Amino acid sequence: MLNIVLFGPPGAGKGTQSERLIEKYNLVHLSTGDIFRANIKMESELGVLAKSYMDQGLLVPDSVTIEMLRSELTKKQEVSGFIFDGFPRTNAQAAALDEVLLTFKTSITMMAALEVEEEELKRRLLNRATTSGRADDGDISIIENRISVYNKETAPVKTFYQNQNKFISINGLGTIDEITTRLFSAIDTKLA
């Protein structure tokens, strides 16, 4: 089973590249944001619990997020693999994900990290604001804060996967097709 954590700062191109990875490798996309929204909409037990935290402006505890992921993995047993989007964001989440995957007799194959310089990220996000209508992408102070939060809180997860020899750095500069070619090459090399 091919399980990929697609990683990178806001504006690195994760959404675009994940669509291409899903198509080429027949992966199931697991987005924690989508899973939260679906559980809340269905008013599942976990959705109600998650909403109770969110309504108070609190982060949903890792234990709730992990249980939602476990539920999704249970529903999708006969698949080629998964691409994890938006998770894990901390070393504790990465360790918890390893434990959950172990119960399904699988593990993370690799973390593919799209590496893009900060000035290019800002340019991409400001451009995306005009093409997608995402207001949060149009405010440079919000963009800078999102990048700062990523660098402080999320980027350290790289070390977790480096220590497992599962981290692969991908140059995120160039055309979309050039970046895709680098990703495919890295994955195919890892699988060989």
N, C-alpha and C. Protein backbone atom coordinates (compact mmCIF):
# COMPACT_ATOMS: atom_id res chain seq x y z
N MET A 1 0.85 -1.18 0.00
CA MET A 1 0.00 0.00 0.00
C MET A 1 0.89 1.24 0.00
N LEU A 2 0.57 2.20 -0.86
CA LEU A 2 1.32 3.45 -0.96
C LEU A 2 0.61 4.53 -0.15
N ASN A 3 1.26 4.97 0.92
CA ASN A 3 0.68 6.02 1.79
C ASN A 3 1.62 7.21 1.81
N ILE A 4 1.14 8.34 1.31
CA ILE A 4 1.97 9.53 1.16
C ILE A 4 1.43 10.66 2.02
N VAL A 5 2.34 11.30 2.77
CA VAL A 5 2.02 12.57 3.41
C VAL A 5 2.56 13.63 2.46
N LEU A 6 1.65 14.40 1.84
CA LEU A 6 2.08 15.49 0.97
C LEU A 6 2.18 16.73 1.85
N PHE A 7 3.35 17.34 1.84
CA PHE A 7 3.71 18.33 2.85
C PHE A 7 4.22 19.59 2.18
N GLY A 8 4.01 20.70 2.82
CA GLY A 8 4.55 21.95 2.34
C GLY A 8 3.78 23.12 2.89
N PRO A 9 4.35 24.30 2.82
CA PRO A 9 3.70 25.49 3.34
C PRO A 9 2.51 25.91 2.48
N PRO A 10 1.70 26.84 2.99
CA PRO A 10 0.59 27.36 2.19
C PRO A 10 1.13 27.93 0.88
N GLY A 11 0.50 27.55 -0.24
CA GLY A 11 0.92 28.06 -1.54
C GLY A 11 1.96 27.21 -2.24
N ALA A 12 2.36 26.09 -1.63
CA ALA A 12 3.40 25.24 -2.23
C ALA A 12 2.87 24.43 -3.41
N GLY A 13 1.56 24.28 -3.50
CA GLY A 13 0.97 23.52 -4.60
C GLY A 13 0.47 22.14 -4.22
N LYS A 14 0.23 21.93 -2.93
CA LYS A 14 -0.20 20.61 -2.46
C LYS A 14 -1.52 20.18 -3.10
N GLY A 15 -2.48 21.08 -3.19
CA GLY A 15 -3.78 20.74 -3.75
C GLY A 15 -3.68 20.29 -5.20
N THR A 16 -2.95 21.07 -5.99
CA THR A 16 -2.76 20.75 -7.40
C THR A 16 -2.04 19.42 -7.57
N GLN A 17 -0.96 19.24 -6.82
CA GLN A 17 -0.16 18.02 -6.98
C GLN A 17 -0.88 16.79 -6.43
N SER A 18 -1.65 16.97 -5.35
CA SER A 18 -2.34 15.80 -4.79
C SER A 18 -3.33 15.24 -5.80
N GLU A 19 -3.99 16.09 -6.58
CA GLU A 19 -4.93 15.60 -7.61
C GLU A 19 -4.21 14.71 -8.61
N ARG A 20 -3.01 15.11 -8.99
CA ARG A 20 -2.24 14.33 -9.97
C ARG A 20 -1.74 13.01 -9.37
N LEU A 21 -1.33 13.05 -8.09
CA LEU A 21 -0.88 11.83 -7.41
C LEU A 21 -2.04 10.84 -7.27
N ILE A 22 -3.21 11.34 -6.92
CA ILE A 22 -4.39 10.49 -6.75
C ILE A 22 -4.71 9.78 -8.06
N GLU A 23 -4.65 10.53 -9.16
CA GLU A 23 -4.97 9.95 -10.46
C GLU A 23 -3.93 8.91 -10.89
N LYS A 24 -2.66 9.24 -10.79
CA LYS A 24 -1.60 8.33 -11.27
C LYS A 24 -1.50 7.06 -10.43
N TYR A 25 -1.58 7.21 -9.10
CA TYR A 25 -1.32 6.06 -8.22
C TYR A 25 -2.61 5.47 -7.62
N ASN A 26 -3.76 5.98 -8.05
CA ASN A 26 -5.05 5.47 -7.59
C ASN A 26 -5.18 5.52 -6.06
N LEU A 27 -4.86 6.68 -5.50
CA LEU A 27 -4.88 6.86 -4.05
C LEU A 27 -6.21 7.47 -3.60
N VAL A 28 -6.52 7.26 -2.34
CA VAL A 28 -7.69 7.89 -1.72
C VAL A 28 -7.19 9.12 -0.96
N HIS A 29 -7.84 10.24 -1.22
CA HIS A 29 -7.46 11.51 -0.60
C HIS A 29 -8.12 11.61 0.77
N LEU A 30 -7.30 11.75 1.80
CA LEU A 30 -7.83 11.94 3.15
C LEU A 30 -7.45 13.33 3.65
N SER A 31 -8.41 14.22 3.61
CA SER A 31 -8.22 15.59 4.09
C SER A 31 -8.91 15.72 5.43
N THR A 32 -8.15 16.09 6.46
CA THR A 32 -8.78 16.21 7.79
C THR A 32 -9.87 17.27 7.77
N GLY A 33 -9.67 18.33 7.00
CA GLY A 33 -10.72 19.37 6.91
C GLY A 33 -12.01 18.80 6.35
N ASP A 34 -11.91 18.01 5.27
CA ASP A 34 -13.09 17.39 4.67
C ASP A 34 -13.74 16.40 5.63
N ILE A 35 -12.91 15.64 6.34
CA ILE A 35 -13.42 14.64 7.28
C ILE A 35 -14.17 15.33 8.42
N PHE A 36 -13.59 16.42 8.94
CA PHE A 36 -14.28 17.20 9.99
C PHE A 36 -15.64 17.67 9.49
N ARG A 37 -15.65 18.30 8.32
CA ARG A 37 -16.90 18.87 7.79
C ARG A 37 -17.96 17.78 7.59
N ALA A 38 -17.53 16.63 7.05
CA ALA A 38 -18.49 15.53 6.82
C ALA A 38 -19.06 15.00 8.13
N ASN A 39 -18.21 14.81 9.14
CA ASN A 39 -18.68 14.30 10.43
C ASN A 39 -19.59 15.30 11.13
N ILE A 40 -19.28 16.58 11.01
CA ILE A 40 -20.13 17.61 11.63
C ILE A 40 -21.48 17.65 10.93
N LYS A 41 -21.46 17.60 9.60
CA LYS A 41 -22.70 17.63 8.82
C LYS A 41 -23.59 16.43 9.14
N MET A 42 -22.96 15.24 9.27
CA MET A 42 -23.71 14.02 9.58
C MET A 42 -24.15 13.97 11.05
N GLU A 43 -23.56 14.88 11.83
CA GLU A 43 -23.80 14.90 13.28
C GLU A 43 -23.42 13.56 13.91
N SER A 44 -22.30 12.99 13.43
CA SER A 44 -21.80 11.76 14.04
C SER A 44 -21.35 12.09 15.46
N GLU A 45 -21.14 11.06 16.25
CA GLU A 45 -20.69 11.27 17.63
C GLU A 45 -19.38 12.07 17.65
N LEU A 46 -18.44 11.70 16.76
CA LEU A 46 -17.17 12.42 16.70
C LEU A 46 -17.36 13.82 16.13
N GLY A 47 -18.28 13.98 15.19
CA GLY A 47 -18.55 15.30 14.62
C GLY A 47 -19.11 16.26 15.65
N VAL A 48 -20.03 15.77 16.47
CA VAL A 48 -20.62 16.59 17.54
C VAL A 48 -19.53 16.99 18.53
N LEU A 49 -18.66 16.04 18.86
CA LEU A 49 -17.57 16.31 19.79
C LEU A 49 -16.60 17.34 19.20
N ALA A 50 -16.22 17.16 17.95
CA ALA A 50 -15.31 18.11 17.29
C ALA A 50 -15.94 19.50 17.25
N LYS A 51 -17.22 19.57 16.91
CA LYS A 51 -17.91 20.86 16.81
C LYS A 51 -17.94 21.56 18.16
N SER A 52 -18.06 20.81 19.24
CA SER A 52 -18.10 21.42 20.57
C SER A 52 -16.79 22.16 20.87
N TYR A 53 -15.68 21.63 20.40
CA TYR A 53 -14.39 22.30 20.57
C TYR A 53 -14.29 23.52 19.64
N MET A 54 -14.67 23.30 18.39
CA MET A 54 -14.56 24.37 17.40
C MET A 54 -15.44 25.56 17.76
N ASP A 55 -16.62 25.27 18.29
CA ASP A 55 -17.54 26.35 18.68
C ASP A 55 -16.96 27.22 19.79
N GLN A 56 -16.04 26.66 20.56
CA GLN A 56 -15.39 27.42 21.63
C GLN A 56 -14.09 28.07 21.15
N GLY A 57 -13.80 27.90 19.85
CA GLY A 57 -12.57 28.46 19.30
C GLY A 57 -11.33 27.66 19.67
N LEU A 58 -11.54 26.41 20.09
CA LEU A 58 -10.42 25.55 20.50
C LEU A 58 -10.04 24.61 19.37
N LEU A 59 -8.79 24.16 19.39
CA LEU A 59 -8.36 23.14 18.44
C LEU A 59 -8.99 21.80 18.83
N VAL A 60 -9.38 21.04 17.83
CA VAL A 60 -9.92 19.71 18.08
C VAL A 60 -8.76 18.84 18.56
N PRO A 61 -8.92 18.15 19.70
CA PRO A 61 -7.82 17.32 20.22
C PRO A 61 -7.39 16.24 19.22
N ASP A 62 -6.10 15.91 19.27
CA ASP A 62 -5.56 14.89 18.38
C ASP A 62 -6.34 13.58 18.48
N SER A 63 -6.77 13.22 19.69
CA SER A 63 -7.47 11.95 19.87
C SER A 63 -8.75 11.88 19.03
N VAL A 64 -9.46 13.00 18.92
CA VAL A 64 -10.69 13.05 18.13
C VAL A 64 -10.35 12.96 16.64
N THR A 65 -9.34 13.71 16.22
CA THR A 65 -8.92 13.69 14.81
C THR A 65 -8.47 12.29 14.42
N ILE A 66 -7.69 11.65 15.26
CA ILE A 66 -7.20 10.29 14.98
C ILE A 66 -8.37 9.31 14.86
N GLU A 67 -9.35 9.43 15.73
CA GLU A 67 -10.50 8.53 15.66
C GLU A 67 -11.29 8.73 14.37
N MET A 68 -11.39 9.99 13.91
CA MET A 68 -12.07 10.25 12.64
C MET A 68 -11.28 9.61 11.49
N LEU A 69 -9.96 9.74 11.52
CA LEU A 69 -9.12 9.11 10.50
C LEU A 69 -9.26 7.59 10.53
N ARG A 70 -9.25 7.03 11.74
CA ARG A 70 -9.40 5.57 11.89
C ARG A 70 -10.72 5.11 11.25
N SER A 71 -11.78 5.87 11.48
CA SER A 71 -13.08 5.55 10.91
C SER A 71 -13.03 5.57 9.38
N GLU A 72 -12.37 6.57 8.81
CA GLU A 72 -12.25 6.67 7.35
C GLU A 72 -11.43 5.51 6.80
N LEU A 73 -10.34 5.16 7.47
CA LEU A 73 -9.50 4.04 7.02
C LEU A 73 -10.29 2.73 7.06
N THR A 74 -11.12 2.56 8.06
CA THR A 74 -11.94 1.36 8.19
C THR A 74 -12.90 1.23 7.01
N LYS A 75 -13.45 2.36 6.57
CA LYS A 75 -14.41 2.36 5.45
C LYS A 75 -13.73 2.04 4.12
N LYS A 76 -12.44 2.25 4.03
CA LYS A 76 -11.74 2.15 2.75
C LYS A 76 -10.59 1.14 2.82
N GLN A 77 -10.94 -0.11 3.05
CA GLN A 77 -9.93 -1.16 3.22
C GLN A 77 -9.31 -1.61 1.92
N GLU A 78 -10.08 -1.71 0.85
CA GLU A 78 -9.60 -2.28 -0.41
C GLU A 78 -9.15 -1.17 -1.36
N VAL A 79 -8.06 -0.50 -1.01
CA VAL A 79 -7.55 0.59 -1.83
C VAL A 79 -6.05 0.42 -2.06
N SER A 80 -5.52 1.19 -3.02
CA SER A 80 -4.09 1.13 -3.33
C SER A 80 -3.25 1.89 -2.31
N GLY A 81 -3.89 2.86 -1.64
CA GLY A 81 -3.18 3.66 -0.66
C GLY A 81 -3.87 4.99 -0.44
N PHE A 82 -3.23 5.81 0.37
CA PHE A 82 -3.83 7.08 0.78
C PHE A 82 -2.85 8.23 0.59
N ILE A 83 -3.40 9.40 0.36
CA ILE A 83 -2.61 10.63 0.42
C ILE A 83 -3.20 11.44 1.57
N PHE A 84 -2.37 11.76 2.53
CA PHE A 84 -2.80 12.50 3.72
C PHE A 84 -2.57 13.98 3.50
N ASP A 85 -3.64 14.75 3.65
CA ASP A 85 -3.64 16.18 3.39
C ASP A 85 -4.05 16.91 4.67
N GLY A 86 -3.15 17.75 5.17
CA GLY A 86 -3.47 18.51 6.38
C GLY A 86 -3.21 17.75 7.66
N PHE A 87 -2.58 16.61 7.54
CA PHE A 87 -2.30 15.77 8.71
C PHE A 87 -1.17 14.82 8.34
N PRO A 88 -0.22 14.62 9.19
CA PRO A 88 -0.07 15.18 10.55
C PRO A 88 0.57 16.57 10.52
N ARG A 89 0.24 17.37 11.53
CA ARG A 89 0.79 18.72 11.66
C ARG A 89 1.76 18.84 12.83
N THR A 90 1.84 17.80 13.64
CA THR A 90 2.78 17.80 14.77
C THR A 90 3.42 16.41 14.87
N ASN A 91 4.53 16.34 15.60
CA ASN A 91 5.18 15.04 15.80
C ASN A 91 4.27 14.07 16.55
N ALA A 92 3.49 14.58 17.50
CA ALA A 92 2.56 13.72 18.24
C ALA A 92 1.52 13.13 17.29
N GLN A 93 1.03 13.94 16.35
CA GLN A 93 0.07 13.44 15.37
C GLN A 93 0.71 12.41 14.45
N ALA A 94 1.96 12.65 14.07
CA ALA A 94 2.67 11.70 13.20
C ALA A 94 2.83 10.35 13.90
N ALA A 95 3.18 10.38 15.18
CA ALA A 95 3.33 9.14 15.95
C ALA A 95 1.99 8.43 16.09
N ALA A 96 0.93 9.19 16.33
CA ALA A 96 -0.40 8.60 16.47
C ALA A 96 -0.86 7.99 15.13
N LEU A 97 -0.55 8.67 14.03
CA LEU A 97 -0.91 8.14 12.71
C LEU A 97 -0.18 6.82 12.45
N ASP A 98 1.10 6.75 12.82
CA ASP A 98 1.85 5.50 12.68
C ASP A 98 1.16 4.36 13.42
N GLU A 99 0.71 4.65 14.65
CA GLU A 99 0.05 3.62 15.46
C GLU A 99 -1.25 3.15 14.81
N VAL A 100 -2.03 4.10 14.31
CA VAL A 100 -3.30 3.74 13.66
C VAL A 100 -3.04 2.89 12.42
N LEU A 101 -2.10 3.33 11.58
CA LEU A 101 -1.80 2.60 10.35
C LEU A 101 -1.30 1.19 10.65
N LEU A 102 -0.56 1.04 11.73
CA LEU A 102 -0.06 -0.27 12.13
C LEU A 102 -1.21 -1.24 12.39
N THR A 103 -2.31 -0.75 12.94
CA THR A 103 -3.47 -1.62 13.19
C THR A 103 -4.10 -2.10 11.88
N PHE A 104 -3.83 -1.37 10.78
CA PHE A 104 -4.30 -1.78 9.45
C PHE A 104 -3.20 -2.49 8.66
N LYS A 105 -2.11 -2.83 9.36
CA LYS A 105 -0.96 -3.53 8.78
C LYS A 105 -0.35 -2.76 7.60
N THR A 106 -0.23 -1.45 7.78
CA THR A 106 0.41 -0.60 6.78
C THR A 106 1.14 0.53 7.50
N SER A 107 1.82 1.38 6.73
CA SER A 107 2.54 2.50 7.32
C SER A 107 2.69 3.61 6.29
N ILE A 108 3.20 4.74 6.72
CA ILE A 108 3.50 5.82 5.79
C ILE A 108 4.68 5.37 4.94
N THR A 109 4.54 5.49 3.63
CA THR A 109 5.60 5.13 2.70
C THR A 109 6.62 6.26 2.64
N MET A 110 6.09 7.49 2.55
CA MET A 110 6.98 8.64 2.42
C MET A 110 6.25 9.94 2.72
N MET A 111 7.05 10.92 3.13
CA MET A 111 6.57 12.29 3.19
C MET A 111 7.24 13.01 2.04
N ALA A 112 6.44 13.52 1.12
CA ALA A 112 6.96 14.30 0.00
C ALA A 112 6.71 15.76 0.33
N ALA A 113 7.79 16.50 0.54
CA ALA A 113 7.69 17.90 0.97
C ALA A 113 8.01 18.82 -0.20
N LEU A 114 7.03 19.62 -0.58
CA LEU A 114 7.22 20.62 -1.64
C LEU A 114 7.93 21.82 -1.03
N GLU A 115 9.14 22.08 -1.48
CA GLU A 115 9.97 23.15 -0.92
C GLU A 115 9.90 24.37 -1.85
N VAL A 116 9.43 25.49 -1.29
CA VAL A 116 9.26 26.73 -2.06
C VAL A 116 9.71 27.90 -1.20
N GLU A 117 10.47 28.81 -1.79
CA GLU A 117 10.96 29.99 -1.07
C GLU A 117 9.77 30.87 -0.65
N GLU A 118 9.95 31.56 0.48
CA GLU A 118 8.86 32.36 1.05
C GLU A 118 8.34 33.44 0.10
N GLU A 119 9.20 34.13 -0.60
CA GLU A 119 8.74 35.19 -1.51
C GLU A 119 7.88 34.61 -2.63
N GLU A 120 8.24 33.43 -3.11
CA GLU A 120 7.44 32.77 -4.15
C GLU A 120 6.08 32.34 -3.59
N LEU A 121 6.06 31.85 -2.34
CA LEU A 121 4.79 31.48 -1.71
C LEU A 121 3.86 32.69 -1.64
N LYS A 122 4.40 33.82 -1.21
CA LYS A 122 3.60 35.05 -1.12
C LYS A 122 3.04 35.43 -2.48
N ARG A 123 3.89 35.36 -3.51
CA ARG A 123 3.45 35.71 -4.86
C ARG A 123 2.32 34.78 -5.32
N ARG A 124 2.50 33.48 -5.09
CA ARG A 124 1.48 32.51 -5.50
C ARG A 124 0.15 32.74 -4.78
N LEU A 125 0.24 32.97 -3.47
CA LEU A 125 -1.00 33.15 -2.71
C LEU A 125 -1.72 34.43 -3.10
N LEU A 126 -1.00 35.51 -3.30
CA LEU A 126 -1.62 36.75 -3.75
C LEU A 126 -2.27 36.56 -5.12
N ASN A 127 -1.62 35.80 -5.99
CA ASN A 127 -2.18 35.49 -7.29
C ASN A 127 -3.44 34.63 -7.16
N ARG A 128 -3.37 33.65 -6.26
CA ARG A 128 -4.52 32.76 -6.05
C ARG A 128 -5.73 33.54 -5.54
N ALA A 129 -5.49 34.59 -4.76
CA ALA A 129 -6.60 35.41 -4.25
C ALA A 129 -7.40 36.02 -5.39
N THR A 130 -6.72 36.41 -6.46
CA THR A 130 -7.42 37.03 -7.58
C THR A 130 -8.11 36.00 -8.47
N THR A 131 -7.58 34.76 -8.52
CA THR A 131 -8.16 33.76 -9.41
C THR A 131 -9.19 32.86 -8.73
N SER A 132 -9.07 32.68 -7.40
CA SER A 132 -9.99 31.76 -6.72
C SER A 132 -10.98 32.45 -5.79
N GLY A 133 -10.76 33.75 -5.55
CA GLY A 133 -11.67 34.47 -4.67
C GLY A 133 -11.46 34.17 -3.19
N ARG A 134 -10.32 33.58 -2.84
CA ARG A 134 -10.05 33.30 -1.42
C ARG A 134 -9.52 34.56 -0.76
N ALA A 135 -10.34 35.19 0.03
CA ALA A 135 -9.98 36.47 0.65
C ALA A 135 -8.75 36.36 1.53
N ASP A 136 -8.59 35.22 2.23
CA ASP A 136 -7.44 35.07 3.14
C ASP A 136 -6.11 35.06 2.37
N ASP A 137 -6.16 34.76 1.07
CA ASP A 137 -4.95 34.77 0.26
C ASP A 137 -4.59 36.17 -0.25
N GLY A 138 -5.47 37.14 -0.04
CA GLY A 138 -5.24 38.48 -0.56
C GLY A 138 -4.63 39.44 0.44
N ASP A 139 -4.46 39.00 1.66
CA ASP A 139 -3.95 39.88 2.72
C ASP A 139 -2.54 39.41 3.10
N ILE A 140 -1.55 40.25 2.78
CA ILE A 140 -0.15 39.85 2.99
C ILE A 140 0.15 39.55 4.47
N SER A 141 -0.49 40.25 5.40
CA SER A 141 -0.21 39.97 6.81
C SER A 141 -0.76 38.60 7.22
N ILE A 142 -1.90 38.22 6.67
CA ILE A 142 -2.45 36.88 6.94
C ILE A 142 -1.55 35.81 6.31
N ILE A 143 -1.09 36.08 5.10
CA ILE A 143 -0.19 35.13 4.41
C ILE A 143 1.08 34.94 5.24
N GLU A 144 1.68 36.05 5.67
CA GLU A 144 2.92 35.96 6.45
C GLU A 144 2.70 35.20 7.75
N ASN A 145 1.55 35.41 8.38
CA ASN A 145 1.24 34.69 9.63
C ASN A 145 1.08 33.20 9.36
N ARG A 146 0.38 32.84 8.29
CA ARG A 146 0.20 31.42 7.96
C ARG A 146 1.54 30.74 7.70
N ILE A 147 2.42 31.42 7.00
CA ILE A 147 3.75 30.86 6.72
C ILE A 147 4.55 30.73 8.02
N SER A 148 4.44 31.74 8.88
CA SER A 148 5.15 31.72 10.16
C SER A 148 4.66 30.56 11.03
N VAL A 149 3.35 30.37 11.11
CA VAL A 149 2.78 29.27 11.89
C VAL A 149 3.26 27.93 11.33
N TYR A 150 3.26 27.81 10.01
CA TYR A 150 3.76 26.58 9.38
C TYR A 150 5.22 26.33 9.78
N ASN A 151 6.05 27.36 9.67
CA ASN A 151 7.49 27.20 9.98
C ASN A 151 7.72 26.82 11.43
N LYS A 152 6.95 27.38 12.35
CA LYS A 152 7.14 27.13 13.78
C LYS A 152 6.53 25.80 14.23
N GLU A 153 5.31 25.52 13.76
CA GLU A 153 4.54 24.42 14.33
C GLU A 153 4.51 23.16 13.48
N THR A 154 4.48 23.32 12.16
CA THR A 154 4.29 22.16 11.29
C THR A 154 5.59 21.66 10.68
N ALA A 155 6.46 22.56 10.25
CA ALA A 155 7.71 22.15 9.60
C ALA A 155 8.53 21.14 10.41
N PRO A 156 8.52 21.20 11.76
CA PRO A 156 9.30 20.20 12.52
C PRO A 156 8.89 18.74 12.29
N VAL A 157 7.71 18.51 11.71
CA VAL A 157 7.29 17.13 11.42
C VAL A 157 8.23 16.49 10.39
N LYS A 158 8.91 17.32 9.59
CA LYS A 158 9.88 16.80 8.63
C LYS A 158 10.89 15.89 9.35
N THR A 159 11.38 16.36 10.50
CA THR A 159 12.39 15.61 11.25
C THR A 159 11.88 14.23 11.64
N PHE A 160 10.60 14.15 12.00
CA PHE A 160 9.99 12.87 12.38
C PHE A 160 10.17 11.86 11.25
N TYR A 161 9.86 12.29 10.02
CA TYR A 161 9.97 11.38 8.88
C TYR A 161 11.41 11.23 8.39
N GLN A 162 12.25 12.24 8.58
CA GLN A 162 13.67 12.09 8.26
C GLN A 162 14.28 10.98 9.12
N ASN A 163 13.89 10.95 10.40
CA ASN A 163 14.41 9.93 11.31
C ASN A 163 13.97 8.52 10.93
N GLN A 164 12.91 8.42 10.13
CA GLN A 164 12.43 7.11 9.65
C GLN A 164 12.89 6.84 8.21
N ASN A 165 13.72 7.72 7.68
CA ASN A 165 14.16 7.63 6.27
C ASN A 165 12.99 7.63 5.30
N LYS A 166 11.97 8.42 5.62
CA LYS A 166 10.78 8.49 4.76
C LYS A 166 10.57 9.89 4.19
N PHE A 167 11.48 10.81 4.48
CA PHE A 167 11.33 12.19 4.03
C PHE A 167 12.01 12.40 2.68
N ILE A 168 11.28 13.00 1.75
CA ILE A 168 11.84 13.33 0.45
C ILE A 168 11.50 14.79 0.14
N SER A 169 12.54 15.58 -0.11
CA SER A 169 12.39 16.98 -0.46
C SER A 169 12.18 17.10 -1.96
N ILE A 170 11.16 17.86 -2.35
CA ILE A 170 10.85 18.07 -3.76
C ILE A 170 10.95 19.56 -4.06
N ASN A 171 11.74 19.92 -5.05
CA ASN A 171 11.83 21.31 -5.47
C ASN A 171 10.47 21.73 -6.00
N GLY A 172 9.83 22.67 -5.31
CA GLY A 172 8.48 23.12 -5.68
C GLY A 172 8.46 24.32 -6.60
N LEU A 173 9.60 24.64 -7.20
CA LEU A 173 9.67 25.76 -8.15
C LEU A 173 9.62 25.22 -9.57
N GLY A 174 9.04 26.00 -10.49
CA GLY A 174 8.94 25.60 -11.88
C GLY A 174 7.49 25.49 -12.28
N THR A 175 7.27 24.91 -13.45
CA THR A 175 5.88 24.74 -13.92
C THR A 175 5.22 23.61 -13.12
N ILE A 176 3.93 23.58 -13.17
CA ILE A 176 3.17 22.52 -12.49
C ILE A 176 3.63 21.15 -13.00
N ASP A 177 3.81 21.03 -14.32
CA ASP A 177 4.23 19.75 -14.89
C ASP A 177 5.64 19.35 -14.45
N GLU A 178 6.54 20.33 -14.35
CA GLU A 178 7.90 20.02 -13.89
C GLU A 178 7.89 19.49 -12.46
N ILE A 179 7.08 20.12 -11.61
CA ILE A 179 6.98 19.69 -10.21
C ILE A 179 6.37 18.29 -10.13
N THR A 180 5.33 18.06 -10.95
CA THR A 180 4.69 16.74 -10.99
C THR A 180 5.70 15.67 -11.40
N THR A 181 6.51 15.96 -12.42
CA THR A 181 7.52 15.01 -12.89
C THR A 181 8.49 14.67 -11.75
N ARG A 182 8.92 15.68 -10.99
CA ARG A 182 9.83 15.44 -9.86
C ARG A 182 9.17 14.56 -8.81
N LEU A 183 7.90 14.84 -8.51
CA LEU A 183 7.16 14.04 -7.51
C LEU A 183 7.05 12.59 -7.97
N PHE A 184 6.59 12.38 -9.20
CA PHE A 184 6.44 11.03 -9.72
C PHE A 184 7.77 10.28 -9.68
N SER A 185 8.83 10.96 -10.07
CA SER A 185 10.15 10.33 -10.08
C SER A 185 10.57 9.91 -8.67
N ALA A 186 10.34 10.79 -7.69
CA ALA A 186 10.70 10.49 -6.30
C ALA A 186 9.90 9.30 -5.77
N ILE A 187 8.62 9.26 -6.10
CA ILE A 187 7.76 8.16 -5.62
C ILE A 187 8.18 6.85 -6.30
N ASP A 188 8.37 6.91 -7.61
CA ASP A 188 8.75 5.68 -8.33
C ASP A 188 10.09 5.15 -7.85
N THR A 189 11.03 6.04 -7.53
CA THR A 189 12.33 5.63 -6.98
C THR A 189 12.15 4.97 -5.63
N LYS A 190 11.29 5.56 -4.79
CA LYS A 190 11.03 5.01 -3.45
C LYS A 190 10.39 3.61 -3.55
N LEU A 191 9.53 3.43 -4.55
CA LEU A 191 8.83 2.16 -4.70
C LEU A 191 9.70 1.08 -5.36
N ALA A 192 10.75 1.52 -6.06
CA ALA A 192 11.60 0.54 -6.80
C ALA A 192 12.39 -0.34 -5.86
